[in-house]
N, C-alpha and C. Protein backbone atom coordinates (compact mmCIF):
# COMPACT_ATOMS: atom_id res chain seq x y z
N MET A 1 102.48 -16.55 -24.07
CA MET A 1 101.51 -16.93 -23.38
C MET A 1 100.81 -15.64 -22.77
N ASN A 2 101.32 -14.69 -22.62
CA ASN A 2 100.65 -13.21 -22.09
C ASN A 2 99.83 -12.73 -23.24
N ASN A 3 100.23 -13.40 -24.63
CA ASN A 3 99.35 -12.86 -25.67
C ASN A 3 97.90 -13.81 -25.63
N GLN A 4 98.28 -14.83 -25.14
CA GLN A 4 97.00 -15.77 -25.17
C GLN A 4 95.88 -15.37 -24.15
N ARG A 5 96.64 -14.88 -22.85
CA ARG A 5 95.90 -14.44 -21.80
C ARG A 5 95.06 -13.01 -22.34
N ILE A 6 95.73 -12.15 -23.01
CA ILE A 6 95.10 -11.06 -23.33
C ILE A 6 93.89 -11.41 -24.53
N ARG A 7 94.22 -12.29 -25.31
CA ARG A 7 93.16 -12.66 -26.30
C ARG A 7 91.98 -13.36 -25.52
N THR A 8 92.42 -14.16 -24.53
CA THR A 8 91.38 -14.79 -23.85
C THR A 8 90.41 -13.76 -23.12
N ARG A 9 91.18 -12.91 -22.53
CA ARG A 9 90.41 -11.82 -21.92
C ARG A 9 89.64 -10.78 -22.63
N SER A 10 90.12 -10.51 -23.72
CA SER A 10 89.26 -9.70 -24.78
C SER A 10 88.27 -10.71 -25.39
N GLU A 11 88.53 -11.82 -25.67
CA GLU A 11 87.47 -12.61 -26.10
C GLU A 11 86.17 -12.70 -24.87
N MET A 12 86.81 -12.86 -23.93
CA MET A 12 85.80 -13.17 -22.74
C MET A 12 84.75 -11.64 -22.40
N HIS A 13 85.69 -10.64 -22.77
CA HIS A 13 84.98 -9.43 -22.61
C HIS A 13 84.00 -9.23 -23.71
N ARG A 14 84.29 -9.75 -24.96
CA ARG A 14 83.41 -9.75 -25.98
C ARG A 14 82.13 -10.67 -25.58
N LYS A 15 82.43 -11.85 -25.09
CA LYS A 15 81.51 -12.82 -24.77
C LYS A 15 80.51 -12.58 -23.62
N ARG A 16 80.89 -11.58 -22.75
CA ARG A 16 80.18 -11.14 -21.56
C ARG A 16 79.05 -10.57 -22.34
N LYS A 17 77.79 -10.81 -21.56
CA LYS A 17 76.26 -10.31 -22.07
C LYS A 17 76.54 -8.93 -21.57
N SER A 18 75.85 -8.15 -22.61
CA SER A 18 75.71 -6.51 -21.93
C SER A 18 74.38 -6.65 -21.36
N PRO A 19 74.28 -5.54 -20.30
CA PRO A 19 73.29 -5.62 -19.60
C PRO A 19 71.96 -5.35 -20.28
N LYS A 20 70.82 -5.83 -19.62
CA LYS A 20 69.38 -5.72 -20.22
C LYS A 20 69.19 -4.42 -19.94
N PRO A 21 68.34 -3.78 -21.10
CA PRO A 21 67.76 -2.24 -20.80
C PRO A 21 66.95 -2.48 -19.68
N PHE A 22 66.86 -1.34 -18.89
CA PHE A 22 65.86 -1.04 -17.91
C PHE A 22 64.34 -1.51 -18.16
N TYR A 23 64.00 -1.42 -18.98
CA TYR A 23 62.34 -1.66 -19.37
C TYR A 23 62.35 -3.25 -19.40
N LYS A 24 63.51 -4.18 -19.33
CA LYS A 24 63.31 -5.46 -19.41
C LYS A 24 63.63 -6.15 -18.35
N ARG A 25 64.12 -5.18 -17.16
CA ARG A 25 64.39 -5.79 -16.05
C ARG A 25 63.04 -5.97 -15.10
N ILE A 26 63.25 -7.20 -14.26
CA ILE A 26 61.99 -7.43 -13.41
C ILE A 26 61.62 -6.42 -12.51
N TRP A 27 62.47 -5.61 -11.89
CA TRP A 27 62.11 -4.66 -10.99
C TRP A 27 61.03 -3.47 -11.74
N PHE A 28 61.36 -3.36 -12.95
CA PHE A 28 60.63 -2.41 -13.84
C PHE A 28 59.41 -2.94 -14.26
N ILE A 29 59.17 -3.88 -14.51
CA ILE A 29 57.90 -4.66 -14.81
C ILE A 29 57.16 -4.70 -13.75
N ILE A 30 57.58 -5.15 -12.55
CA ILE A 30 56.79 -5.15 -11.36
C ILE A 30 56.26 -3.77 -11.09
N LEU A 31 57.22 -2.77 -11.04
CA LEU A 31 56.67 -1.20 -10.98
C LEU A 31 55.72 -1.06 -11.97
N ILE A 32 55.51 -1.23 -13.37
CA ILE A 32 54.49 -0.91 -14.09
C ILE A 32 53.34 -1.72 -13.69
N VAL A 33 53.31 -2.99 -13.29
CA VAL A 33 52.22 -3.76 -12.91
C VAL A 33 51.30 -3.06 -11.79
N ILE A 34 52.15 -2.46 -10.71
CA ILE A 34 51.73 -1.99 -9.58
C ILE A 34 50.91 -0.57 -9.73
N ILE A 35 51.62 0.25 -10.62
CA ILE A 35 51.09 1.54 -11.24
C ILE A 35 49.61 1.40 -12.01
N ALA A 36 49.75 0.21 -12.80
CA ALA A 36 48.46 -0.03 -13.63
C ALA A 36 47.29 -0.60 -12.79
N LEU A 37 47.50 -1.46 -11.63
CA LEU A 37 46.81 -1.55 -10.66
C LEU A 37 46.11 -0.61 -9.92
N PHE A 38 47.14 0.34 -9.42
CA PHE A 38 46.54 1.37 -8.71
C PHE A 38 45.50 2.20 -9.55
N ILE A 39 45.87 2.43 -10.90
CA ILE A 39 45.04 3.37 -11.95
C ILE A 39 43.70 2.69 -11.82
N ILE A 40 43.61 1.31 -12.01
CA ILE A 40 42.38 0.66 -12.32
C ILE A 40 41.57 0.63 -11.18
N ILE A 41 42.20 0.50 -9.82
CA ILE A 41 41.52 0.75 -8.72
C ILE A 41 40.85 2.23 -8.38
N SER A 42 41.74 3.01 -8.57
CA SER A 42 41.28 4.29 -8.51
C SER A 42 40.05 4.79 -9.46
N LEU A 43 39.99 4.19 -10.75
CA LEU A 43 38.87 4.38 -11.69
C LEU A 43 37.63 3.69 -11.09
N PHE A 44 37.69 2.58 -10.62
CA PHE A 44 36.68 1.66 -10.09
C PHE A 44 36.01 2.68 -8.75
N LYS A 45 36.99 3.34 -7.87
CA LYS A 45 36.52 3.98 -6.51
C LYS A 45 35.68 5.01 -7.08
N GLN A 46 36.21 5.70 -8.30
CA GLN A 46 35.92 7.09 -8.67
C GLN A 46 34.30 6.73 -9.16
N GLU A 47 34.22 5.74 -10.08
CA GLU A 47 32.82 5.22 -10.63
C GLU A 47 31.89 4.94 -9.44
N ASP A 48 32.39 4.37 -8.39
CA ASP A 48 31.51 4.08 -7.29
C ASP A 48 31.00 5.21 -6.32
N ASN A 49 31.94 6.17 -6.27
CA ASN A 49 31.51 7.39 -5.82
C ASN A 49 30.52 8.35 -6.63
N ASN A 50 30.58 8.15 -7.79
CA ASN A 50 29.73 8.79 -8.68
C ASN A 50 28.29 8.20 -8.61
N GLN A 51 28.32 6.81 -8.50
CA GLN A 51 27.00 6.29 -8.39
C GLN A 51 26.39 6.41 -7.03
N THR A 52 27.11 6.45 -6.11
CA THR A 52 26.80 6.87 -4.67
C THR A 52 26.02 8.15 -4.65
N LYS A 53 26.94 9.27 -5.18
CA LYS A 53 26.19 10.55 -5.39
C LYS A 53 25.09 10.73 -6.07
N SER A 54 24.97 9.92 -7.04
CA SER A 54 23.96 9.95 -7.98
C SER A 54 22.65 9.47 -7.16
N SER A 55 22.85 8.25 -6.40
CA SER A 55 21.62 7.88 -5.66
C SER A 55 21.32 8.57 -4.42
N GLU A 56 22.27 9.40 -3.97
CA GLU A 56 22.04 10.32 -2.82
C GLU A 56 21.41 11.49 -3.26
N SER A 57 21.62 11.74 -4.39
CA SER A 57 20.91 13.09 -5.06
C SER A 57 19.51 12.83 -5.55
N LYS A 58 19.26 11.53 -6.11
CA LYS A 58 18.19 10.84 -6.29
C LYS A 58 16.99 11.07 -5.01
N THR A 59 17.62 10.49 -3.92
CA THR A 59 16.99 10.43 -2.56
C THR A 59 16.68 11.93 -2.13
N GLU A 60 17.64 12.98 -2.33
CA GLU A 60 17.32 14.16 -1.89
C GLU A 60 16.17 15.00 -2.91
N LYS A 61 16.32 14.41 -4.08
CA LYS A 61 15.34 15.05 -4.74
C LYS A 61 13.88 14.58 -4.46
N THR A 62 13.93 13.25 -4.26
CA THR A 62 12.58 12.58 -3.69
C THR A 62 11.95 13.11 -2.58
N ILE A 63 12.84 13.47 -1.50
CA ILE A 63 12.46 14.31 -0.23
C ILE A 63 12.02 15.52 -0.60
N LYS A 64 12.74 16.20 -1.43
CA LYS A 64 12.20 17.65 -1.74
C LYS A 64 11.00 17.64 -2.52
N ASN A 65 10.95 16.76 -3.48
CA ASN A 65 9.68 16.64 -4.25
C ASN A 65 8.15 16.16 -3.38
N TYR A 66 8.56 15.62 -2.06
CA TYR A 66 7.45 15.11 -1.47
C TYR A 66 7.53 15.96 -0.02
N SER A 67 8.28 16.99 0.30
CA SER A 67 8.03 17.68 1.38
C SER A 67 6.83 18.41 1.37
N LYS A 68 6.75 19.12 0.45
CA LYS A 68 5.47 19.92 0.37
C LYS A 68 4.41 19.33 0.29
N VAL A 69 4.29 18.11 -0.22
CA VAL A 69 3.06 17.11 0.05
C VAL A 69 2.96 16.48 1.13
N ASN A 70 3.99 16.25 1.88
CA ASN A 70 3.87 15.69 3.27
C ASN A 70 3.63 16.74 4.35
N LYS A 71 3.75 18.11 4.03
CA LYS A 71 3.45 19.19 4.74
C LYS A 71 2.00 19.59 4.66
N SER A 72 1.55 19.25 3.33
CA SER A 72 0.20 19.57 3.33
C SER A 72 -0.74 18.15 3.92
N ILE A 73 -0.17 17.00 3.94
CA ILE A 73 -0.92 15.91 4.63
C ILE A 73 -0.83 16.07 5.91
N ALA A 74 0.23 16.59 6.56
CA ALA A 74 0.29 16.62 8.03
C ALA A 74 -0.65 17.83 8.47
N SER A 75 -0.86 18.85 7.65
CA SER A 75 -1.85 19.87 7.93
C SER A 75 -3.28 19.56 7.92
N LYS A 76 -3.65 18.55 7.02
CA LYS A 76 -5.05 18.05 6.66
C LYS A 76 -5.17 17.08 7.99
N LEU A 77 -4.15 16.12 8.37
CA LEU A 77 -4.23 15.18 9.28
C LEU A 77 -4.69 15.91 10.79
N LYS A 78 -3.92 17.06 10.82
CA LYS A 78 -3.97 17.85 12.18
C LYS A 78 -5.38 18.35 12.28
N MET A 79 -5.95 18.83 11.16
CA MET A 79 -7.19 19.58 10.77
C MET A 79 -8.27 18.38 11.42
N ASP A 80 -7.99 17.40 10.83
CA ASP A 80 -9.07 16.30 10.97
C ASP A 80 -9.00 15.90 12.49
N LYS A 81 -7.88 15.88 12.96
CA LYS A 81 -8.04 15.67 14.66
C LYS A 81 -8.65 16.66 15.27
N GLY A 82 -8.39 18.06 14.86
CA GLY A 82 -9.25 19.14 15.66
C GLY A 82 -10.73 18.88 15.43
N PHE A 83 -11.14 18.56 14.19
CA PHE A 83 -12.45 18.23 14.00
C PHE A 83 -12.96 17.01 14.90
N ALA A 84 -12.10 15.96 15.03
CA ALA A 84 -12.51 14.95 15.93
C ALA A 84 -12.49 15.26 17.39
N ASN A 85 -11.80 15.90 17.73
CA ASN A 85 -11.62 16.30 19.15
C ASN A 85 -12.36 17.64 19.63
N GLY A 86 -13.17 18.33 18.71
CA GLY A 86 -14.00 19.43 18.91
C GLY A 86 -13.13 20.58 19.19
N THR A 87 -11.78 20.70 18.75
CA THR A 87 -10.95 22.03 19.05
C THR A 87 -11.08 22.89 17.94
N LEU A 88 -11.84 22.35 16.84
CA LEU A 88 -11.85 23.41 15.47
C LEU A 88 -13.51 23.14 15.14
N ASP A 89 -13.83 24.50 14.96
CA ASP A 89 -15.41 24.36 14.27
C ASP A 89 -15.51 23.97 12.84
N GLU A 90 -16.77 23.95 12.18
CA GLU A 90 -16.80 23.35 11.01
C GLU A 90 -16.09 24.29 9.94
N ASN A 91 -15.68 25.45 10.27
CA ASN A 91 -14.90 26.06 9.17
C ASN A 91 -13.44 25.97 9.50
N GLY A 92 -12.98 25.05 10.59
CA GLY A 92 -11.50 24.86 10.75
C GLY A 92 -11.10 25.94 11.41
N LYS A 93 -11.76 26.70 12.33
CA LYS A 93 -11.25 27.79 13.33
C LYS A 93 -11.07 27.42 14.42
N PRO A 94 -10.15 27.64 15.24
CA PRO A 94 -10.06 27.03 16.63
C PRO A 94 -11.23 27.39 17.66
N THR A 95 -11.76 26.63 18.49
CA THR A 95 -12.73 26.76 19.34
C THR A 95 -12.59 26.10 20.64
N ASP A 96 -13.07 26.77 21.65
CA ASP A 96 -12.86 26.13 23.12
C ASP A 96 -14.23 25.36 23.41
N ASN A 97 -15.39 25.49 22.85
CA ASN A 97 -16.21 24.72 23.38
C ASN A 97 -17.20 23.92 22.18
N GLY A 98 -16.19 23.41 21.18
CA GLY A 98 -16.71 22.86 19.99
C GLY A 98 -17.24 21.34 20.31
N THR A 99 -17.78 20.71 19.54
CA THR A 99 -18.40 19.54 19.64
C THR A 99 -17.63 18.52 18.74
N PRO A 100 -17.03 17.33 19.52
CA PRO A 100 -16.19 16.28 18.80
C PRO A 100 -17.04 15.81 17.67
N ASN A 101 -16.56 15.62 16.42
CA ASN A 101 -17.16 14.97 15.20
C ASN A 101 -16.85 13.56 15.17
N ASN A 102 -17.52 12.77 15.50
CA ASN A 102 -17.16 11.25 15.27
C ASN A 102 -16.64 10.84 13.82
N ALA A 103 -17.20 11.52 12.86
CA ALA A 103 -16.56 11.20 11.42
C ALA A 103 -15.32 11.23 11.27
N PHE A 104 -14.57 12.13 12.20
CA PHE A 104 -13.25 12.39 12.10
C PHE A 104 -12.42 11.84 13.14
N ALA A 105 -13.12 10.68 13.93
CA ALA A 105 -12.56 9.92 14.96
C ALA A 105 -11.23 9.07 14.58
N TRP A 106 -11.29 8.40 13.28
CA TRP A 106 -10.30 7.62 12.79
C TRP A 106 -8.98 8.43 12.96
N SER A 107 -8.83 9.59 12.67
CA SER A 107 -7.69 10.34 12.67
C SER A 107 -6.79 10.33 14.08
N ASN A 108 -7.52 10.16 15.14
CA ASN A 108 -6.96 10.06 16.38
C ASN A 108 -5.96 8.69 16.58
N GLY A 109 -6.30 7.79 15.61
CA GLY A 109 -5.49 6.46 15.65
C GLY A 109 -4.22 6.70 14.78
N VAL A 110 -4.06 7.91 13.93
CA VAL A 110 -3.03 7.90 13.14
C VAL A 110 -1.93 8.92 13.73
N VAL A 111 -0.70 8.57 13.81
CA VAL A 111 0.32 9.53 14.26
C VAL A 111 0.75 10.36 13.05
N LYS A 112 0.89 9.77 12.03
CA LYS A 112 1.51 10.65 10.82
C LYS A 112 1.14 9.69 9.48
N ILE A 113 1.29 10.45 8.47
CA ILE A 113 1.20 9.88 7.24
C ILE A 113 2.19 10.51 6.52
N LYS A 114 3.01 9.76 5.66
CA LYS A 114 4.02 9.98 4.84
C LYS A 114 4.11 9.64 3.41
N MET A 115 4.49 10.47 2.53
CA MET A 115 4.60 10.01 1.23
C MET A 115 6.14 9.81 0.92
N VAL A 116 6.35 8.44 0.70
CA VAL A 116 7.65 8.12 0.33
C VAL A 116 8.02 7.83 -0.93
N ASP A 117 7.13 7.64 -1.91
CA ASP A 117 7.32 7.59 -3.12
C ASP A 117 6.20 8.11 -3.98
N GLU A 118 6.27 8.07 -5.39
CA GLU A 118 5.38 8.54 -6.27
C GLU A 118 3.79 7.80 -5.90
N ASP A 119 4.03 6.60 -5.67
CA ASP A 119 2.66 5.99 -5.32
C ASP A 119 2.86 4.89 -4.14
N ARG A 120 3.37 5.56 -3.10
CA ARG A 120 3.32 4.98 -1.69
C ARG A 120 3.57 5.73 -0.49
N ILE A 121 2.86 5.42 0.39
CA ILE A 121 2.75 5.98 1.64
C ILE A 121 2.97 5.27 2.89
N ASN A 122 3.43 5.69 3.88
CA ASN A 122 3.78 4.92 5.07
C ASN A 122 2.88 5.78 5.97
N VAL A 123 1.86 4.88 6.94
CA VAL A 123 0.73 5.43 7.62
C VAL A 123 1.52 4.91 8.98
N HIS A 124 1.78 5.80 10.02
CA HIS A 124 2.19 5.26 11.37
C HIS A 124 0.96 5.44 12.36
N VAL A 125 0.69 4.45 13.24
CA VAL A 125 -0.69 4.49 13.97
C VAL A 125 -0.10 4.54 15.33
N VAL A 126 -1.16 4.62 16.27
CA VAL A 126 -0.93 4.24 17.69
C VAL A 126 -1.02 2.89 18.02
N THR A 127 -0.79 2.49 19.38
CA THR A 127 -0.37 1.08 19.63
C THR A 127 -1.74 0.54 19.71
N GLU A 128 -2.85 1.29 20.15
CA GLU A 128 -4.17 0.82 20.24
C GLU A 128 -4.66 0.19 18.89
N PHE A 129 -4.06 0.69 18.01
CA PHE A 129 -4.58 0.25 16.54
C PHE A 129 -4.58 -1.23 16.18
N LYS A 130 -3.59 -1.99 16.92
CA LYS A 130 -3.48 -3.42 16.91
C LYS A 130 -4.51 -4.15 17.22
N ASP A 131 -5.34 -3.44 18.28
CA ASP A 131 -6.48 -4.18 18.92
C ASP A 131 -7.80 -4.08 18.24
N LEU A 132 -7.89 -2.97 16.81
CA LEU A 132 -8.98 -2.81 16.11
C LEU A 132 -9.32 -4.11 15.40
N PRO A 133 -10.65 -4.18 15.08
CA PRO A 133 -10.99 -5.37 13.98
C PRO A 133 -10.48 -4.96 12.74
N ALA A 134 -10.32 -5.83 11.98
CA ALA A 134 -9.78 -5.67 10.53
C ALA A 134 -10.42 -4.67 9.93
N ALA A 135 -11.74 -4.60 9.76
CA ALA A 135 -12.55 -3.54 9.15
C ALA A 135 -12.51 -2.01 9.42
N ASN A 136 -12.28 -1.86 10.93
CA ASN A 136 -11.75 -0.68 11.47
C ASN A 136 -10.32 -0.21 11.02
N LYS A 137 -9.47 -1.21 11.01
CA LYS A 137 -7.91 -0.96 10.50
C LYS A 137 -8.34 -0.39 9.11
N SER A 138 -8.85 -1.18 8.18
CA SER A 138 -8.99 -0.85 6.72
C SER A 138 -9.51 0.44 6.44
N GLU A 139 -10.45 0.91 7.38
CA GLU A 139 -11.27 2.15 7.17
C GLU A 139 -10.26 3.36 7.46
N VAL A 140 -9.28 3.06 8.61
CA VAL A 140 -8.35 4.07 8.88
C VAL A 140 -7.32 4.07 7.86
N ALA A 141 -6.87 3.07 7.27
CA ALA A 141 -5.98 3.05 6.21
C ALA A 141 -6.32 3.71 4.95
N LEU A 142 -7.69 3.55 4.66
CA LEU A 142 -8.33 3.93 3.55
C LEU A 142 -8.48 5.59 3.59
N LYS A 143 -8.86 5.88 4.75
CA LYS A 143 -8.94 7.46 4.99
C LYS A 143 -7.54 8.26 5.06
N ALA A 144 -6.55 7.46 5.45
CA ALA A 144 -5.27 8.12 5.44
C ALA A 144 -4.82 8.18 4.23
N GLN A 145 -5.12 7.19 3.18
CA GLN A 145 -4.84 7.13 1.82
C GLN A 145 -5.75 8.47 0.91
N ASN A 146 -6.80 8.65 1.63
CA ASN A 146 -7.48 9.81 0.88
C ASN A 146 -6.84 11.06 1.27
N ILE A 147 -6.23 11.20 2.46
CA ILE A 147 -5.59 12.45 2.71
C ILE A 147 -4.51 12.60 1.98
N ALA A 148 -3.70 11.36 1.68
CA ALA A 148 -2.53 11.73 0.99
C ALA A 148 -2.98 12.15 -0.48
N LEU A 149 -4.12 11.66 -0.91
CA LEU A 149 -4.29 12.24 -2.32
C LEU A 149 -5.00 13.50 -2.35
N ILE A 150 -5.33 14.06 -1.18
CA ILE A 150 -5.62 15.44 -1.23
C ILE A 150 -4.44 16.25 -1.11
N GLY A 151 -3.27 15.59 -0.42
CA GLY A 151 -2.09 16.46 -0.28
C GLY A 151 -1.58 16.49 -1.72
N LEU A 152 -1.49 15.22 -2.53
CA LEU A 152 -0.91 15.21 -3.83
C LEU A 152 -1.65 16.36 -4.67
N ALA A 153 -2.97 16.38 -4.57
CA ALA A 153 -4.02 17.31 -5.55
C ALA A 153 -3.61 18.70 -5.12
N LYS A 154 -3.36 18.93 -4.06
CA LYS A 154 -3.14 20.61 -3.62
C LYS A 154 -1.59 20.68 -4.06
N GLN A 155 -0.92 19.86 -4.46
CA GLN A 155 0.51 20.21 -4.93
C GLN A 155 0.51 19.75 -6.52
N LYS A 156 -0.61 19.34 -7.10
CA LYS A 156 -0.69 19.28 -8.42
C LYS A 156 0.08 17.92 -8.75
N LYS A 157 0.30 16.88 -8.12
CA LYS A 157 1.18 15.93 -8.34
C LYS A 157 0.48 14.36 -8.32
N VAL A 158 -0.77 14.69 -8.68
CA VAL A 158 -1.67 13.52 -8.39
C VAL A 158 -2.02 13.17 -10.00
N LYS A 159 -2.01 11.71 -10.37
CA LYS A 159 -2.49 11.26 -11.53
C LYS A 159 -4.08 10.88 -11.52
N GLN A 160 -4.70 10.89 -12.66
CA GLN A 160 -5.92 10.53 -12.68
C GLN A 160 -6.13 8.90 -12.22
N LYS A 161 -5.16 8.15 -12.54
CA LYS A 161 -5.36 6.71 -12.37
C LYS A 161 -5.01 6.43 -10.80
N THR A 162 -4.27 7.32 -10.37
CA THR A 162 -4.07 7.00 -8.87
C THR A 162 -5.44 7.32 -7.98
N TYR A 163 -6.29 8.17 -8.38
CA TYR A 163 -7.57 8.35 -7.81
C TYR A 163 -8.28 7.35 -7.82
N LYS A 164 -8.29 6.42 -8.87
CA LYS A 164 -9.00 5.28 -9.12
C LYS A 164 -8.42 4.10 -8.35
N GLN A 165 -7.16 3.84 -8.53
CA GLN A 165 -6.40 2.62 -8.10
C GLN A 165 -6.04 3.10 -6.50
N GLY A 166 -5.87 4.01 -6.20
CA GLY A 166 -5.32 4.43 -4.75
C GLY A 166 -3.91 4.50 -4.86
N ILE A 167 -3.23 4.65 -3.50
CA ILE A 167 -1.98 4.62 -3.30
C ILE A 167 -1.36 3.55 -2.35
N TYR A 168 -0.45 2.66 -2.79
CA TYR A 168 0.16 1.49 -2.18
C TYR A 168 0.32 2.12 -0.57
N THR A 169 -0.20 1.60 0.36
CA THR A 169 0.14 1.88 1.55
C THR A 169 0.53 0.86 2.52
N VAL A 170 1.35 1.31 3.38
CA VAL A 170 2.28 0.33 4.31
C VAL A 170 1.73 1.08 5.65
N ILE A 171 1.17 0.13 6.89
CA ILE A 171 0.89 0.57 8.13
C ILE A 171 1.90 0.16 9.03
N PHE A 172 2.57 1.04 9.94
CA PHE A 172 3.34 0.81 10.87
C PHE A 172 2.89 1.02 12.33
N CYS A 173 2.98 0.27 13.24
CA CYS A 173 2.71 0.50 14.50
C CYS A 173 3.87 0.20 15.53
N ASP A 174 4.15 1.15 16.21
CA ASP A 174 5.29 1.04 16.96
C ASP A 174 6.66 0.42 16.36
N GLY A 175 6.97 0.99 15.21
CA GLY A 175 7.77 0.59 14.12
C GLY A 175 7.79 -0.72 13.50
N GLU A 176 6.91 -1.37 13.69
CA GLU A 176 6.41 -2.59 13.00
C GLU A 176 5.53 -2.51 12.05
N ASN A 177 5.86 -3.32 10.91
CA ASN A 177 4.81 -3.46 9.60
C ASN A 177 3.57 -4.18 10.24
N VAL A 178 2.37 -3.72 10.20
CA VAL A 178 1.19 -4.25 10.77
C VAL A 178 0.26 -4.51 9.53
N GLY A 179 0.59 -4.02 8.38
CA GLY A 179 -0.43 -4.24 7.33
C GLY A 179 -0.04 -3.46 6.22
N SER A 180 -0.67 -3.79 4.98
CA SER A 180 -0.36 -2.85 3.66
C SER A 180 -1.41 -3.13 2.74
N SER A 181 -1.38 -2.43 1.72
CA SER A 181 -2.46 -2.57 0.64
C SER A 181 -2.21 -4.08 -0.12
N LYS A 182 -3.27 -4.39 -0.53
CA LYS A 182 -3.15 -5.57 -1.50
C LYS A 182 -2.59 -5.06 -2.99
N MET A 183 -1.86 -5.94 -3.41
CA MET A 183 -1.15 -5.68 -4.58
C MET A 183 -2.12 -5.57 -5.68
N SER A 184 -3.29 -6.47 -5.75
CA SER A 184 -4.29 -6.45 -6.71
C SER A 184 -5.31 -5.26 -6.68
N ASN A 185 -5.29 -4.48 -5.40
CA ASN A 185 -6.22 -3.50 -5.27
C ASN A 185 -5.80 -2.61 -4.09
N TYR A 186 -5.20 -1.44 -4.08
CA TYR A 186 -4.51 -0.62 -3.28
C TYR A 186 -5.54 -0.15 -2.15
N LYS A 187 -6.82 -0.27 -2.53
CA LYS A 187 -7.91 0.15 -1.58
C LYS A 187 -8.29 -0.82 -0.66
N GLU A 188 -7.89 -2.15 -0.71
CA GLU A 188 -7.97 -3.13 0.00
C GLU A 188 -6.74 -3.45 0.94
N PHE A 189 -6.90 -4.13 2.16
CA PHE A 189 -5.84 -4.19 2.91
C PHE A 189 -5.61 -5.63 3.39
N LYS A 190 -4.42 -5.92 3.71
CA LYS A 190 -4.04 -7.31 4.47
C LYS A 190 -3.35 -7.13 5.66
N TRP A 191 -3.70 -7.78 6.65
CA TRP A 191 -3.32 -7.42 7.97
C TRP A 191 -2.33 -8.65 8.47
N ASN A 192 -1.11 -8.19 8.97
CA ASN A 192 -0.16 -9.14 9.52
C ASN A 192 -0.52 -9.45 10.96
N LYS A 193 -0.39 -10.85 11.32
CA LYS A 193 -0.86 -11.23 12.75
C LYS A 193 0.21 -11.25 13.67
């Protein structure tokens, strides 16, 4: 009988399953899946960061490209306001007893003109601009466009076709979009009500 027990035990020992290798165990598989997910998520975040940096650098380049143009535009606008108010003589020199020049009066309705893209400017105007007739608004917008073209020309950034077709212009009054160039002709304008 003892012999049978030993045999049975030894047979049982042989029949007992040997443990699975660690790489086939559930805890190891779960660990591998978690690591793989972490790597994939990290790669996507890195790609998003690269795209964000790329778009930021494009924006920075655009700002740098137009900063000289915008300075030139601001300088020309300031000069036109000086002529309009009689604070500059016909040579652009400061004067105390100058005569206001009505040909430049339009400039007093403009706060600033800013080149924001290769073929787009934003024109910020005074509150009273809203009360002007559409024809006068269009005149101010067109003259602002011409100042932008002068600024571009000074920086040698204007294309020949831009002189003909104009620059797409968006007009803002007190932070609100009040009008823009027509898509069919940038030198004509539509006004929001």
